Amino acid sequence: MLDKKELIYAAVRLIPRGKVASYSQIGALLGNCNLRRYVGNALHENPSNEITPCHRVVNSKGFCSGSFSFGGPDVQRNKLEAEGVTFTDGHVDMPKHNITQEDFELISAELGKIK
């Protein structure tokens, strides 16, 4: 059984390329959307962005993290743009790139297999 941080990392690894999820959505995948701060702290400690692409997690309005764990918001934005994510007025075009309900359900099902 994975601990909570490992479940967060597993959920983030399941976000499709070119899509994003919010901290609250990752918390909801673990059963509690109010875990958003815990999710943020766990991603701040992410040991490898190559394995766990935490750049795909943004706030609910689509803004990038100002955290130095990414090297700053420009690095996160550049990684997202390299995956085809578009920005409007400085934030991710959430209607276009946020995970869909179908994505959420697929990620949830995969997490259920490893919990």
Protein backbone atom coordinates (compact mmCIF):
# COMPACT_ATOMS: atom_id res chain seq x y z
CA MET A 1 0.00 0.00 0.00
CA LEU A 2 1.34 3.41 -0.96
CA ASP A 3 1.50 6.31 1.47
CA LYS A 4 -0.36 9.54 0.70
CA LYS A 5 2.62 11.24 -1.00
CA GLU A 6 3.23 8.24 -3.22
CA LEU A 7 -0.47 8.23 -4.19
CA ILE A 8 -0.18 11.91 -5.10
CA TYR A 9 2.86 11.17 -7.26
CA ALA A 10 1.06 8.22 -8.86
CA ALA A 11 -1.96 10.43 -9.66
CA VAL A 12 0.25 13.12 -11.20
CA ARG A 13 2.03 10.54 -13.36
CA LEU A 14 -1.40 9.65 -14.80
CA ILE A 15 -2.26 13.19 -15.96
CA PRO A 16 -2.16 12.97 -19.76
CA ARG A 17 0.47 14.96 -21.64
CA GLY A 18 -1.00 18.29 -22.75
CA LYS A 19 -3.44 18.40 -19.83
CA VAL A 20 -3.34 19.81 -16.33
CA ALA A 21 -5.07 19.15 -13.03
CA SER A 22 -5.54 21.41 -10.04
CA TYR A 23 -4.24 20.71 -6.55
CA SER A 24 -7.86 20.21 -5.44
CA GLN A 25 -8.49 17.67 -8.21
CA ILE A 26 -5.46 15.66 -7.10
CA GLY A 27 -6.78 15.83 -3.54
CA ALA A 28 -10.19 14.66 -4.77
CA LEU A 29 -8.54 11.69 -6.46
CA LEU A 30 -7.26 10.76 -2.99
CA GLY A 31 -10.74 11.24 -1.55
CA ASN A 32 -10.54 14.80 -0.17
CA CYS A 33 -10.40 17.93 -2.33
CA ASN A 34 -9.36 19.90 0.78
CA LEU A 35 -5.93 18.24 0.62
CA ARG A 36 -4.76 20.88 -1.89
CA ARG A 37 -2.13 22.32 0.47
CA TYR A 38 -0.86 18.86 1.30
CA VAL A 39 -0.70 18.11 -2.43
CA GLY A 40 1.25 21.33 -3.02
CA ASN A 41 3.71 20.50 -0.25
CA ALA A 42 4.17 16.95 -1.55
CA LEU A 43 4.84 18.23 -5.07
CA HIS A 44 7.30 20.75 -3.68
CA GLU A 45 9.25 17.72 -2.37
CA ASN A 46 8.93 15.78 -5.64
CA PRO A 47 12.24 13.93 -6.01
CA SER A 48 12.10 13.75 -9.83
CA ASN A 49 10.10 15.85 -12.28
CA GLU A 50 11.23 13.48 -15.05
CA ILE A 51 9.37 10.63 -13.32
CA THR A 52 6.53 12.63 -11.78
CA PRO A 53 5.61 15.56 -14.07
CA CYS A 54 4.37 17.88 -11.35
CA HIS A 55 4.49 20.78 -13.81
CA ARG A 56 1.07 19.46 -14.92
CA VAL A 57 -0.48 20.60 -11.63
CA VAL A 58 -1.65 24.22 -11.42
CA ASN A 59 -3.99 26.14 -9.17
CA SER A 60 -7.73 26.07 -9.83
CA LYS A 61 -7.52 29.20 -11.98
CA GLY A 62 -4.73 27.74 -14.10
CA PHE A 63 -1.84 29.76 -12.70
CA CYS A 64 1.60 28.20 -12.48
CA SER A 65 3.39 27.74 -9.20
CA GLY A 66 5.79 30.43 -8.08
CA SER A 67 7.69 27.73 -6.24
CA PHE A 68 11.40 27.34 -6.74
CA SER A 69 10.91 23.57 -6.98
CA PHE A 70 10.17 24.18 -10.65
CA GLY A 71 12.81 26.85 -11.02
CA GLY A 72 10.04 29.46 -11.08
CA PRO A 73 6.77 29.93 -12.97
CA ASP A 74 8.49 30.46 -16.32
CA VAL A 75 10.05 26.98 -16.20
CA GLN A 76 6.70 25.37 -15.42
CA ARG A 77 5.02 27.36 -18.18
CA ASN A 78 7.75 26.40 -20.67
CA LYS A 79 7.32 22.70 -19.83
CA LEU A 80 3.56 22.97 -20.29
CA GLU A 81 3.88 24.86 -23.57
CA ALA A 82 6.29 22.19 -24.82
CA GLU A 83 3.41 19.72 -24.30
CA GLY A 84 0.99 21.90 -26.26
CA VAL A 85 -0.72 23.61 -23.33
CA THR A 86 -1.87 27.11 -24.24
CA PHE A 87 -2.14 30.14 -21.98
CA THR A 88 -4.63 33.02 -21.89
CA ASP A 89 -3.93 36.18 -19.87
CA GLY A 90 -1.04 34.50 -18.04
CA HIS A 91 -2.76 31.28 -17.04
CA VAL A 92 -3.53 27.89 -18.55
CA ASP A 93 -6.57 27.83 -20.82
CA MET A 94 -8.40 25.59 -18.34
CA PRO A 95 -11.50 24.86 -20.46
CA LYS A 96 -9.17 23.48 -23.11
CA HIS A 97 -6.49 21.72 -21.03
CA ASN A 98 -7.96 20.78 -17.65
CA ILE A 99 -8.48 17.05 -17.20
CA THR A 100 -11.97 15.98 -18.19
CA GLN A 101 -14.38 14.00 -16.07
CA GLU A 102 -13.43 10.98 -18.16
CA ASP A 103 -9.72 11.60 -17.44
CA PHE A 104 -10.55 11.97 -13.74
CA GLU A 105 -12.43 8.67 -13.71
CA LEU A 106 -9.64 6.85 -15.57
CA ILE A 107 -7.01 8.21 -13.18
CA SER A 108 -9.22 7.30 -10.22
CA ALA A 109 -9.66 3.75 -11.53
CA GLU A 110 -5.90 3.33 -11.99
CA LEU A 111 -5.25 4.64 -8.49
CA GLY A 112 -7.82 2.19 -7.16
CA LYS A 113 -5.73 -0.66 -8.56
CA ILE A 114 -2.65 0.39 -6.60
CA LYS A 115 -4.16 1.65 -3.32
